[in-house]
C-alpha atoms as a PDB file:
ATOM      1  CA  UNK A   1      -8.500  46.039 -70.599  1.00  0.00           C
ATOM      2  CA  UNK A   2      -8.542  45.912 -74.397  1.00  0.00           C
ATOM      3  CA  UNK A   3      -6.939  48.826 -76.268  1.00  0.00           C
ATOM      4  CA  UNK A   4     -10.190  49.838 -77.980  1.00  0.00           C
ATOM      5  CA  UNK A   5     -12.040  49.852 -74.688  1.00  0.00           C
ATOM      6  CA  UNK A   6      -9.295  52.016 -73.117  1.00  0.00           C
ATOM      7  CA  UNK A   7      -9.548  54.451 -76.033  1.00  0.00           C
ATOM      8  CA  UNK A   8     -13.302  54.900 -75.655  1.00  0.00           C
ATOM      9  CA  UNK A   9     -13.058  55.175 -71.862  1.00  0.00           C
ATOM     10  CA  UNK A  10     -10.253  57.756 -72.155  1.00  0.00           C
ATOM     11  CA  UNK A  11     -12.253  59.866 -74.613  1.00  0.00           C
ATOM     12  CA  UNK A  12     -15.248  59.893 -72.277  1.00  0.00           C
ATOM     13  CA  UNK A  13     -12.987  61.021 -69.415  1.00  0.00           C
ATOM     14  CA  UNK A  14     -11.941  64.012 -71.511  1.00  0.00           C
ATOM     15  CA  UNK A  15     -15.532  64.803 -72.578  1.00  0.00           C
ATOM     16  CA  UNK A  16     -16.886  64.943 -69.007  1.00  0.00           C
ATOM     17  CA  UNK A  17     -13.842  66.697 -67.526  1.00  0.00           C
ATOM     18  CA  UNK A  18     -13.790  68.708 -65.376  1.00  0.00           C
ATOM     19  CA  UNK A  19     -17.466  68.457 -64.467  1.00  0.00           C
ATOM     20  CA  UNK A  20     -20.608  67.342 -66.245  1.00  0.00           C
ATOM     21  CA  UNK A  21     -23.882  66.892 -64.450  1.00  0.00           C
ATOM     22  CA  UNK A  22     -27.490  65.964 -65.164  1.00  0.00           C
ATOM     23  CA  UNK A  23     -29.977  67.760 -62.956  1.00  0.00           C
ATOM     24  CA  UNK A  24     -32.847  65.347 -62.317  1.00  0.00           C
ATOM     25  CA  UNK A  25     -36.043  66.942 -60.999  1.00  0.00           C
ATOM     26  CA  UNK A  26     -35.802  67.464 -57.236  1.00  0.00           C
ATOM     27  CA  UNK A  27     -32.216  66.134 -57.123  1.00  0.00           C
ATOM     28  CA  UNK A  28     -28.806  67.581 -56.365  1.00  0.00           C
ATOM     29  CA  UNK A  29     -25.230  66.569 -57.240  1.00  0.00           C
ATOM     30  CA  UNK A  30     -26.052  64.369 -60.223  1.00  0.00           C
ATOM     31  CA  UNK A  31     -22.478  64.075 -61.446  1.00  0.00           C
ATOM     32  CA  UNK A  32     -21.615  61.941 -64.468  1.00  0.00           C
ATOM     33  CA  UNK A  33     -18.480  59.759 -64.511  1.00  0.00           C
ATOM     34  CA  UNK A  34     -17.127  57.324 -67.139  1.00  0.00           C
ATOM     35  CA  UNK A  35     -17.982  53.646 -66.675  1.00  0.00           C
ATOM     36  CA  UNK A  36     -16.469  50.461 -68.019  1.00  0.00           C
ATOM     37  CA  UNK A  37     -17.371  46.775 -67.634  1.00  0.00           C
ATOM     38  CA  UNK A  38     -14.373  44.644 -68.569  1.00  0.00           C
ATOM     39  CA  UNK A  39     -15.795  41.239 -69.494  1.00  0.00           C
ATOM     40  CA  UNK A  40     -12.372  39.544 -69.219  1.00  0.00           C
ATOM     41  CA  UNK A  41     -12.246  40.461 -65.538  1.00  0.00           C
ATOM     42  CA  UNK A  42     -15.886  40.891 -64.506  1.00  0.00           C
ATOM     43  CA  UNK A  43     -17.606  38.275 -66.662  1.00  0.00           C
ATOM     44  CA  UNK A  44     -20.797  38.717 -68.684  1.00  0.00           C
ATOM     45  CA  UNK A  45     -22.578  42.032 -68.372  1.00  0.00           C
ATOM     46  CA  UNK A  46     -26.173  41.614 -67.269  1.00  0.00           C
ATOM     47  CA  UNK A  47     -28.561  43.073 -64.712  1.00  0.00           C
ATOM     48  CA  UNK A  48     -27.848  40.413 -62.050  1.00  0.00           C
ATOM     49  CA  UNK A  49     -24.078  40.771 -62.278  1.00  0.00           C
ATOM     50  CA  UNK A  50     -24.279  44.579 -62.243  1.00  0.00           C
ATOM     51  CA  UNK A  51     -26.502  44.539 -59.155  1.00  0.00           C
ATOM     52  CA  UNK A  52     -24.218  42.081 -57.372  1.00  0.00           C
ATOM     53  CA  UNK A  53     -21.101  44.074 -58.308  1.00  0.00           C
ATOM     54  CA  UNK A  54     -22.670  47.173 -56.758  1.00  0.00           C
ATOM     55  CA  UNK A  55     -23.679  45.315 -53.609  1.00  0.00           C
ATOM     56  CA  UNK A  56     -27.339  46.015 -54.240  1.00  0.00           C
ATOM     57  CA  UNK A  57     -28.465  42.426 -53.689  1.00  0.00           C
ATOM     58  CA  UNK A  58     -28.026  39.871 -50.956  1.00  0.00           C
ATOM     59  CA  UNK A  59     -29.252  36.288 -50.838  1.00  0.00           C
ATOM     60  CA  UNK A  60     -32.051  35.698 -48.369  1.00  0.00           C
ATOM     61  CA  UNK A  61     -34.471  32.942 -47.406  1.00  0.00           C
ATOM     62  CA  UNK A  62     -37.277  32.234 -49.892  1.00  0.00           C
ATOM     63  CA  UNK A  63     -39.926  31.491 -47.276  1.00  0.00           C
ATOM     64  CA  UNK A  64     -38.992  34.586 -45.266  1.00  0.00           C
ATOM     65  CA  UNK A  65     -39.245  36.763 -48.381  1.00  0.00           C
ATOM     66  CA  UNK A  66     -42.729  35.563 -49.322  1.00  0.00           C
ATOM     67  CA  UNK A  67     -43.862  35.875 -45.680  1.00  0.00           C
ATOM     68  CA  UNK A  68     -42.778  39.512 -45.893  1.00  0.00           C
ATOM     69  CA  UNK A  69     -45.005  39.953 -48.966  1.00  0.00           C
ATOM     70  CA  UNK A  70     -47.763  38.146 -47.158  1.00  0.00           C
ATOM     71  CA  UNK A  71     -47.527  40.574 -44.224  1.00  0.00           C
ATOM     72  CA  UNK A  72     -47.437  43.525 -46.679  1.00  0.00           C
ATOM     73  CA  UNK A  73     -44.370  44.889 -44.891  1.00  0.00           C
ATOM     74  CA  UNK A  74     -43.352  47.131 -47.792  1.00  0.00           C
ATOM     75  CA  UNK A  75     -46.839  48.475 -48.531  1.00  0.00           C
ATOM     76  CA  UNK A  76     -47.520  49.073 -44.835  1.00  0.00           C
ATOM     77  CA  UNK A  77     -44.599  51.527 -44.737  1.00  0.00           C
ATOM     78  CA  UNK A  78     -46.849  53.997 -46.551  1.00  0.00           C
ATOM     79  CA  UNK A  79     -49.048  56.134 -44.319  1.00  0.00           C
ATOM     80  CA  UNK A  80     -52.388  55.534 -46.012  1.00  0.00           C
ATOM     81  CA  UNK A  81     -52.204  51.743 -46.176  1.00  0.00           C
ATOM     82  CA  UNK A  82     -55.283  49.956 -44.881  1.00  0.00           C
ATOM     83  CA  UNK A  83     -56.833  46.549 -45.461  1.00  0.00           C
ATOM     84  CA  UNK A  84     -59.667  45.000 -43.492  1.00  0.00           C
ATOM     85  CA  UNK A  85     -59.077  41.826 -41.483  1.00  0.00           C
ATOM     86  CA  UNK A  86     -61.067  39.711 -43.911  1.00  0.00           C
ATOM     87  CA  UNK A  87     -59.116  40.884 -46.932  1.00  0.00           C
ATOM     88  CA  UNK A  88     -55.770  40.441 -45.144  1.00  0.00           C
ATOM     89  CA  UNK A  89     -56.733  36.852 -44.349  1.00  0.00           C
ATOM     90  CA  UNK A  90     -57.711  36.169 -47.946  1.00  0.00           C
ATOM     91  CA  UNK A  91     -54.371  37.531 -49.147  1.00  0.00           C
ATOM     92  CA  UNK A  92     -52.551  35.449 -46.513  1.00  0.00           C
ATOM     93  CA  UNK A  93     -54.095  32.250 -47.912  1.00  0.00           C
ATOM     94  CA  UNK A  94     -53.160  33.177 -51.498  1.00  0.00           C
ATOM     95  CA  UNK A  95     -49.533  33.765 -50.526  1.00  0.00           C
ATOM     96  CA  UNK A  96     -49.470  30.421 -48.698  1.00  0.00           C
ATOM     97  CA  UNK A  97     -50.624  28.761 -51.898  1.00  0.00           C
ATOM     98  CA  UNK A  98     -48.012  30.703 -53.947  1.00  0.00           C
ATOM     99  CA  UNK A  99     -45.248  29.560 -51.609  1.00  0.00           C
ATOM    100  CA  UNK A 100     -46.273  25.919 -51.901  1.00  0.00           C
ATOM    101  CA  UNK A 101     -46.598  26.246 -55.687  1.00  0.00           C
ATOM    102  CA  UNK A 102     -43.050  27.586 -56.070  1.00  0.00           C
ATOM    103  CA  UNK A 103     -41.485  25.003 -53.809  1.00  0.00           C
ATOM    104  CA  UNK A 104     -43.187  22.163 -55.718  1.00  0.00           C
ATOM    105  CA  UNK A 105     -42.569  23.443 -59.241  1.00  0.00           C
ATOM    106  CA  UNK A 106     -39.289  25.350 -59.225  1.00  0.00           C
ATOM    107  CA  UNK A 107     -35.726  24.134 -58.996  1.00  0.00           C
ATOM    108  CA  UNK A 108     -32.683  26.193 -57.954  1.00  0.00           C
ATOM    109  CA  UNK A 109     -35.077  28.424 -56.012  1.00  0.00           C
ATOM    110  CA  UNK A 110     -33.439  31.567 -54.666  1.00  0.00           C
ATOM    111  CA  UNK A 111     -34.476  34.831 -53.103  1.00  0.00           C
ATOM    112  CA  UNK A 112     -32.694  38.170 -53.202  1.00  0.00           C
ATOM    113  CA  UNK A 113     -33.237  41.246 -51.071  1.00  0.00           C
ATOM    114  CA  UNK A 114     -32.127  44.752 -51.988  1.00  0.00           C
ATOM    115  CA  UNK A 115     -29.412  45.799 -49.557  1.00  0.00           C
ATOM    116  CA  UNK A 116     -30.975  48.098 -46.971  1.00  0.00           C
ATOM    117  CA  UNK A 117     -27.676  49.896 -46.303  1.00  0.00           C
ATOM    118  CA  UNK A 118     -28.077  51.589 -49.702  1.00  0.00           C
ATOM    119  CA  UNK A 119     -31.410  53.141 -48.799  1.00  0.00           C
ATOM    120  CA  UNK A 120     -30.880  54.726 -45.389  1.00  0.00           C
ATOM    121  CA  UNK A 121     -31.758  58.218 -46.596  1.00  0.00           C
ATOM    122  CA  UNK A 122     -35.439  57.677 -47.334  1.00  0.00           C
ATOM    123  CA  UNK A 123     -37.128  60.920 -46.424  1.00  0.00           C
ATOM    124  CA  UNK A 124     -40.255  60.053 -44.467  1.00  0.00           C
ATOM    125  CA  UNK A 125     -40.173  58.919 -40.890  1.00  0.00           C
ATOM    126  CA  UNK A 126     -41.819  55.520 -41.311  1.00  0.00           C
ATOM    127  CA  UNK A 127     -39.179  54.554 -43.879  1.00  0.00           C
ATOM    128  CA  UNK A 128     -36.696  53.923 -41.048  1.00  0.00           C
ATOM    129  CA  UNK A 129     -38.505  50.624 -40.557  1.00  0.00           C
ATOM    130  CA  UNK A 130     -39.216  49.844 -44.194  1.00  0.00           C
ATOM    131  CA  UNK A 131     -38.522  46.370 -45.578  1.00  0.00           C
ATOM    132  CA  UNK A 132     -37.718  46.444 -49.295  1.00  0.00           C
ATOM    133  CA  UNK A 133     -39.679  43.694 -51.070  1.00  0.00           C
ATOM    134  CA  UNK A 134     -36.957  41.714 -52.857  1.00  0.00           C
ATOM    135  CA  UNK A 135     -37.629  38.897 -55.319  1.00  0.00           C
ATOM    136  CA  UNK A 136     -37.856  35.138 -55.753  1.00  0.00           C
ATOM    137  CA  UNK A 137     -36.501  33.281 -58.783  1.00  0.00           C
ATOM    138  CA  UNK A 138     -36.328  29.656 -59.878  1.00  0.00           C
ATOM    139  CA  UNK A 139     -36.229  27.236 -62.821  1.00  0.00           C
ATOM    140  CA  UNK A 140     -39.049  25.019 -64.023  1.00  0.00           C
ATOM    141  CA  UNK A 141     -38.592  21.392 -65.003  1.00  0.00           C
ATOM    142  CA  UNK A 142     -38.667  22.542 -68.635  1.00  0.00           C
ATOM    143  CA  UNK A 143     -35.644  24.782 -68.050  1.00  0.00           C
ATOM    144  CA  UNK A 144     -37.537  28.086 -68.064  1.00  0.00           C
ATOM    145  CA  UNK A 145     -36.817  30.686 -65.416  1.00  0.00           C
ATOM    146  CA  UNK A 146     -39.548  32.544 -63.492  1.00  0.00           C
ATOM    147  CA  UNK A 147     -38.901  35.584 -61.304  1.00  0.00           C
ATOM    148  CA  UNK A 148     -41.559  37.060 -58.994  1.00  0.00           C
ATOM    149  CA  UNK A 149     -41.537  40.316 -57.039  1.00  0.00           C
ATOM    150  CA  UNK A 150     -43.792  43.159 -55.863  1.00  0.00           C
ATOM    151  CA  UNK A 151     -43.807  46.587 -57.449  1.00  0.00           C
ATOM    152  CA  UNK A 152     -41.927  49.412 -55.751  1.00  0.00           C
ATOM    153  CA  UNK A 153     -42.485  53.134 -55.428  1.00  0.00           C
ATOM    154  CA  UNK A 154     -40.453  55.383 -57.726  1.00  0.00           C
ATOM    155  CA  UNK A 155     -39.925  58.963 -56.558  1.00  0.00           C
ATOM    156  CA  UNK A 156     -38.390  60.595 -59.640  1.00  0.00           C
ATOM    157  CA  UNK A 157     -39.842  61.227 -63.092  1.00  0.00           C
ATOM    158  CA  UNK A 158     -37.232  61.957 -65.785  1.00  0.00           C
ATOM    159  CA  UNK A 159     -38.635  63.997 -68.696  1.00  0.00           C
ATOM    160  CA  UNK A 160     -37.683  63.224 -72.294  1.00  0.00           C
ATOM    161  CA  UNK A 161     -36.293  66.787 -72.594  1.00  0.00           C
ATOM    162  CA  UNK A 162     -33.616  65.766 -70.109  1.00  0.00           C
ATOM    163  CA  UNK A 163     -32.783  62.241 -71.272  1.00  0.00           C
ATOM    164  CA  UNK A 164     -34.288  61.361 -74.622  1.00  0.00           C
ATOM    165  CA  UNK A 165     -34.864  57.604 -74.934  1.00  0.00           C
ATOM    166  CA  UNK A 166     -37.223  55.150 -76.597  1.00  0.00           C
ATOM    167  CA  UNK A 167     -38.279  51.504 -76.179  1.00  0.00           C
ATOM    168  CA  UNK A 168     -35.749  48.901 -77.221  1.00  0.00           C
ATOM    169  CA  UNK A 169     -36.623  46.910 -80.314  1.00  0.00           C
ATOM    170  CA  UNK A 170     -38.205  43.626 -79.336  1.00  0.00           C
ATOM    171  CA  UNK A 171     -37.705  40.271 -81.016  1.00  0.00           C
ATOM    172  CA  UNK A 172     -40.768  39.173 -82.970  1.00  0.00           C
ATOM    173  CA  UNK A 173     -40.093  35.457 -82.400  1.00  0.00           C
ATOM    174  CA  UNK A 174     -42.364  33.890 -79.821  1.00  0.00           C
ATOM    175  CA  UNK A 175     -40.959  31.623 -77.142  1.00  0.00           C
ATOM    176  CA  UNK A 176     -42.549  28.199 -76.881  1.00  0.00           C
ATOM    177  CA  UNK A 177     -42.632  27.029 -73.286  1.00  0.00           C
ATOM    178  CA  UNK A 178     -43.111  23.437 -72.109  1.00  0.00           C
ATOM    179  CA  UNK A 179     -46.343  22.147 -70.615  1.00  0.00           C
ATOM    180  CA  UNK A 180     -45.035  22.318 -67.034  1.00  0.00           C
ATOM    181  CA  UNK A 181     -44.026  25.951 -67.482  1.00  0.00           C
ATOM    182  CA  UNK A 182     -47.295  26.946 -69.116  1.00  0.00           C
ATOM    183  CA  UNK A 183     -49.284  25.317 -66.331  1.00  0.00           C
ATOM    184  CA  UNK A 184     -47.230  27.057 -63.640  1.00  0.00           C
ATOM    185  CA  UNK A 185     -47.517  30.434 -65.404  1.00  0.00           C
ATOM    186  CA  UNK A 186     -51.288  29.967 -65.531  1.00  0.00           C
ATOM    187  CA  UNK A 187     -51.467  29.294 -61.806  1.00  0.00           C
ATOM    188  CA  UNK A 188     -49.176  32.242 -60.934  1.00  0.00           C
ATOM    189  CA  UNK A 189     -51.235  34.518 -63.190  1.00  0.00           C
ATOM    190  CA  UNK A 190     -54.410  33.414 -61.403  1.00  0.00           C
ATOM    191  CA  UNK A 191     -52.897  34.186 -57.979  1.00  0.00           C
ATOM    192  CA  UNK A 192     -51.545  37.604 -58.967  1.00  0.00           C
ATOM    193  CA  UNK A 193     -54.857  38.504 -60.592  1.00  0.00           C
ATOM    194  CA  UNK A 194     -56.742  37.535 -57.438  1.00  0.00           C
ATOM    195  CA  UNK A 195     -54.306  39.575 -55.306  1.00  0.00           C
ATOM    196  CA  UNK A 196     -54.975  42.499 -57.630  1.00  0.00           C
ATOM    197  CA  UNK A 197     -53.705  46.060 -57.223  1.00  0.00           C
ATOM    198  CA  UNK A 198     -53.687  48.057 -54.009  1.00  0.00           C
ATOM    199  CA  UNK A 199     -53.592  51.774 -54.889  1.00  0.00           C
ATOM    200  CA  UNK A 200     -52.011  54.035 -52.303  1.00  0.00           C
ATOM    201  CA  UNK A 201     -51.980  57.815 -52.268  1.00  0.00           C
ATOM    202  CA  UNK A 202     -50.824  60.236 -49.650  1.00  0.00           C
ATOM    203  CA  UNK A 203     -48.330  62.814 -48.483  1.00  0.00           C
ATOM    204  CA  UNK A 204     -44.769  61.776 -47.603  1.00  0.00           C
ATOM    205  CA  UNK A 205     -44.583  64.992 -45.617  1.00  0.00           C
ATOM    206  CA  UNK A 206     -44.031  68.624 -46.540  1.00  0.00           C
ATOM    207  CA  UNK A 207     -46.355  68.443 -49.535  1.00  0.00           C
ATOM    208  CA  UNK A 208     -44.595  65.597 -51.323  1.00  0.00           C
ATOM    209  CA  UNK A 209     -47.575  63.654 -52.613  1.00  0.00           C
ATOM    210  CA  UNK A 210     -47.250  60.160 -53.984  1.00  0.00           C
ATOM    211  CA  UNK A 211     -49.258  57.551 -55.854  1.00  0.00           C
ATOM    212  CA  UNK A 212     -48.175  53.926 -55.680  1.00  0.00           C
ATOM    213  CA  UNK A 213     -49.864  50.809 -57.109  1.00  0.00           C
ATOM    214  CA  UNK A 214     -48.794  47.768 -55.119  1.00  0.00           C
ATOM    215  CA  UNK A 215     -49.084  44.418 -56.889  1.00  0.00           C
ATOM    216  CA  UNK A 216     -47.184  41.191 -57.531  1.00  0.00           C
ATOM    217  CA  UNK A 217     -45.519  40.899 -60.934  1.00  0.00           C
ATOM    218  CA  UNK A 218     -43.379  38.264 -62.615  1.00  0.00           C
ATOM    219  CA  UNK A 219     -41.005  37.667 -65.523  1.00  0.00           C
ATOM    220  CA  UNK A 220     -40.588  34.499 -67.586  1.00  0.00           C
ATOM    221  CA  UNK A 221     -37.612  33.774 -69.840  1.00  0.00           C
ATOM    222  CA  UNK A 222     -35.238  31.101 -71.110  1.00  0.00           C
ATOM    223  CA  UNK A 223     -32.444  32.392 -68.877  1.00  0.00           C
ATOM    224  CA  UNK A 224     -32.171  33.450 -65.255  1.00  0.00           C
ATOM    225  CA  UNK A 225     -30.744  36.840 -66.257  1.00  0.00           C
ATOM    226  CA  UNK A 226     -33.592  37.672 -68.662  1.00  0.00           C
ATOM    227  CA  UNK A 227     -36.318  36.593 -66.199  1.00  0.00           C
ATOM    228  CA  UNK A 228     -34.686  38.744 -63.546  1.00  0.00           C
ATOM    229  CA  UNK A 229     -34.498  41.678 -65.999  1.00  0.00           C
ATOM    230  CA  UNK A 230     -38.153  41.327 -66.970  1.00  0.00           C
ATOM    231  CA  UNK A 231     -39.361  41.236 -63.391  1.00  0.00           C
ATOM    232  CA  UNK A 232     -37.217  44.224 -62.374  1.00  0.00           C
ATOM    233  CA  UNK A 233     -38.715  46.231 -65.245  1.00  0.00           C
ATOM    234  CA  UNK A 234     -42.275  45.308 -64.297  1.00  0.00           C
ATOM    235  CA  UNK A 235     -41.601  46.137 -60.648  1.00  0.00           C
ATOM    236  CA  UNK A 236     -40.518  49.685 -61.511  1.00  0.00           C
ATOM    237  CA  UNK A 237     -36.960  49.244 -60.268  1.00  0.00           C
ATOM    238  CA  UNK A 238     -35.450  49.048 -63.752  1.00  0.00           C
ATOM    239  CA  UNK A 239     -36.081  51.126 -66.838  1.00  0.00           C
ATOM    240  CA  UNK A 240     -34.323  49.701 -69.877  1.00  0.00           C
ATOM    241  CA  UNK A 241     -34.432  51.922 -72.965  1.00  0.00           C
ATOM    242  CA  UNK A 242     -32.520  52.901 -76.061  1.00  0.00           C
ATOM    243  CA  UNK A 243     -30.641  56.133 -75.356  1.00  0.00           C
ATOM    244  CA  UNK A 244     -30.622  58.941 -77.911  1.00  0.00           C
ATOM    245  CA  UNK A 245     -29.305  62.062 -76.214  1.00  0.00           C
ATOM    246  CA  UNK A 246     -28.914  64.227 -73.125  1.00  0.00           C
ATOM    247  CA  UNK A 247     -30.832  67.509 -73.296  1.00  0.00           C
ATOM    248  CA  UNK A 248     -32.054  67.324 -76.920  1.00  0.00           C
ATOM    249  CA  UNK A 249     -33.786  70.687 -76.468  1.00  0.00           C
ATOM    250  CA  UNK A 250     -31.546  73.657 -75.701  1.00  0.00           C
ATOM    251  CA  UNK A 251     -34.587  75.565 -74.375  1.00  0.00           C
ATOM    252  CA  UNK A 252     -34.947  73.037 -71.550  1.00  0.00           C
ATOM    253  CA  UNK A 253     -31.346  73.726 -70.494  1.00  0.00           C
ATOM    254  CA  UNK A 254     -32.119  77.418 -70.684  1.00  0.00           C
ATOM    255  CA  UNK A 255     -34.099  77.116 -67.471  1.00  0.00           C
ATOM    256  CA  UNK A 256     -30.789  76.544 -65.635  1.00  0.00           C
ATOM    257  CA  UNK A 257     -28.240  78.506 -67.701  1.00  0.00           C
ATOM    258  CA  UNK A 258     -28.162  81.821 -69.521  1.00  0.00           C
ATOM    259  CA  UNK A 259     -26.072  83.441 -72.226  1.00  0.00           C
ATOM    260  CA  UNK A 260     -22.608  82.106 -73.020  1.00  0.00           C
ATOM    261  CA  UNK A 261     -22.878  79.574 -70.172  1.00  0.00           C
ATOM    262  CA  UNK A 262     -25.888  77.969 -71.868  1.00  0.00           C
ATOM    263  CA  UNK A 263     -24.012  77.682 -75.188  1.00  0.00           C
ATOM    264  CA  UNK A 264     -20.956  76.247 -73.438  1.00  0.00           C
ATOM    265  CA  UNK A 265     -22.878  73.628 -71.464  1.00  0.00           C
ATOM    266  CA  UNK A 266     -25.100  72.660 -74.387  1.00  0.00           C
ATOM    267  CA  UNK A 267     -22.008  72.188 -76.589  1.00  0.00           C
ATOM    268  CA  UNK A 268     -20.550  69.883 -73.964  1.00  0.00           C
ATOM    269  CA  UNK A 269     -23.602  67.637 -74.027  1.00  0.00           C
ATOM    270  CA  UNK A 270     -23.660  67.722 -77.818  1.00  0.00           C
ATOM    271  CA  UNK A 271     -20.082  66.402 -77.863  1.00  0.00           C
ATOM    272  CA  UNK A 272     -21.082  63.529 -75.639  1.00  0.00           C
ATOM    273  CA  UNK A 273     -24.214  62.742 -77.675  1.00  0.00           C
ATOM    274  CA  UNK A 274     -22.289  62.827 -80.949  1.00  0.00           C
ATOM    275  CA  UNK A 275     -19.544  60.594 -79.608  1.00  0.00           C
ATOM    276  CA  UNK A 276     -22.068  57.962 -78.483  1.00  0.00           C
ATOM    277  CA  UNK A 277     -23.773  58.014 -81.879  1.00  0.00           C
ATOM    278  CA  UNK A 278     -20.474  57.720 -83.742  1.00  0.00           C
ATOM    279  CA  UNK A 279     -18.880  54.966 -81.676  1.00  0.00           C
ATOM    280  CA  UNK A 280     -21.796  52.599 -80.862  1.00  0.00           C
ATOM    281  CA  UNK A 281     -24.470  51.118 -83.135  1.00  0.00           C
ATOM    282  CA  UNK A 282     -26.807  51.121 -80.142  1.00  0.00           C
ATOM    283  CA  UNK A 283     -26.656  52.901 -76.802  1.00  0.00           C
ATOM    284  CA  UNK A 284     -28.686  51.544 -73.895  1.00  0.00           C
ATOM    285  CA  UNK A 285     -29.893  53.225 -70.740  1.00  0.00           C
ATOM    286  CA  UNK A 286     -30.110  51.078 -67.600  1.00  0.00           C
ATOM    287  CA  UNK A 287     -31.953  53.118 -64.991  1.00  0.00           C
ATOM    288  CA  UNK A 288     -32.219  51.660 -61.499  1.00  0.00           C
ATOM    289  CA  UNK A 289     -34.642  53.520 -59.183  1.00  0.00           C
ATOM    290  CA  UNK A 290     -34.358  52.781 -55.492  1.00  0.00           C
ATOM    291  CA  UNK A 291     -36.919  55.158 -53.964  1.00  0.00           C
ATOM    292  CA  UNK A 292     -34.953  58.431 -53.653  1.00  0.00           C
ATOM    293  CA  UNK A 293     -31.829  57.170 -55.360  1.00  0.00           C
ATOM    294  CA  UNK A 294     -31.231  56.957 -59.109  1.00  0.00           C
ATOM    295  CA  UNK A 295     -28.409  54.939 -60.669  1.00  0.00           C
ATOM    296  CA  UNK A 296     -28.255  55.423 -64.438  1.00  0.00           C
ATOM    297  CA  UNK A 297     -25.904  53.761 -66.901  1.00  0.00           C
ATOM    298  CA  UNK A 298     -25.668  55.050 -70.491  1.00  0.00           C
ATOM    299  CA  UNK A 299     -23.579  52.401 -72.210  1.00  0.00           C
ATOM    300  CA  UNK A 300     -22.661  50.736 -75.497  1.00  0.00           C
ATOM    301  CA  UNK A 301     -20.651  47.647 -76.405  1.00  0.00           C
ATOM    302  CA  UNK A 302     -17.144  48.031 -77.768  1.00  0.00           C
ATOM    303  CA  UNK A 303     -15.668  45.714 -80.387  1.00  0.00           C
ATOM    304  CA  UNK A 304     -13.935  43.508 -77.797  1.00  0.00           C
ATOM    305  CA  UNK A 305     -17.309  42.997 -76.100  1.00  0.00           C
ATOM    306  CA  UNK A 306     -16.742  45.291 -73.123  1.00  0.00           C
ATOM    307  CA  UNK A 307     -19.401  47.775 -72.085  1.00  0.00           C
ATOM    308  CA  UNK A 308     -18.379  51.406 -71.885  1.00  0.00           C
ATOM    309  CA  UNK A 309     -20.221  54.621 -71.219  1.00  0.00           C
ATOM    310  CA  UNK A 310     -21.298  56.972 -68.457  1.00  0.00           C
ATOM    311  CA  UNK A 311     -22.693  56.453 -64.989  1.00  0.00           C
ATOM    312  CA  UNK A 312     -24.929  58.873 -63.109  1.00  0.00           C
ATOM    313  CA  UNK A 313     -25.728  58.580 -59.433  1.00  0.00           C
ATOM    314  CA  UNK A 314     -28.225  61.089 -58.053  1.00  0.00           C
ATOM    315  CA  UNK A 315     -30.432  61.431 -55.011  1.00  0.00           C
ATOM    316  CA  UNK A 316     -33.756  63.132 -54.504  1.00  0.00           C
ATOM    317  CA  UNK A 317     -33.531  65.925 -51.933  1.00  0.00           C
ATOM    318  CA  UNK A 318     -36.315  65.943 -49.415  1.00  0.00           C
ATOM    319  CA  UNK A 319     -36.849  69.616 -48.644  1.00  0.00           C
ATOM    320  CA  UNK A 320     -40.277  70.263 -47.007  1.00  0.00           C
END
């Protein structure tokens, strides 16, 4: 590890010692620990490599994955799901066409499934048989990558008063795709529009009400990593934002702490926030939401090119 990376990592260890936590709504034990991605040992930092390093993804069969979408296996794990026979048959035909379209037009076609072992604690009874939807990705003849996946349900809402963040600045340059890619995008758009949105609402049990819009989304980019990232954001699994601060409002913290303890804890967060602002020109939040589990990385890039910051793992507590 480069000396500069070690210095930043060591400082963060001191700042979070002995214990620093972020209390997400409805969660417990959201402890923060320092994080480092050493590019010399781990390679390029991107969403695919981070997911693979954590064991969150496993390769699976493309046809099997789309058949799972066709059968609505993920959506059917929610209590209030219902489609008539006629509509199910119409959707089945559309997915058959999508499968053929991808096989004909995409090279290096792969499918990934989120590792089920990471999600064994889903709170409601039907979740014991849930099939997470996964994704399909491939490259067009023009060299453009397309990633397709269904949306997923996200349990936790994180208020700005807890983690203050804003959209990342977007490049204003438009990407010109080849004719093959544009034609394929048009056909995929037509299929996803025809499939539409299935809105589900219900009670997970014990008064935990949910709203979930099930639909097929896709990302298009010049690289596999960016297409993957786009699709994950549209699916609801990934939130990618510019990080500004933890607990920007002391009054919000006051709901959990009083008196000298409030001042002490707030000062601790202020130290962390100030350090990030001083050391990095930009700090990015990668938030991965896997139903009840939240994995959040608050990171910046050091001069050697490594990524350093803080990692938060937290789980929603089902308490009917």
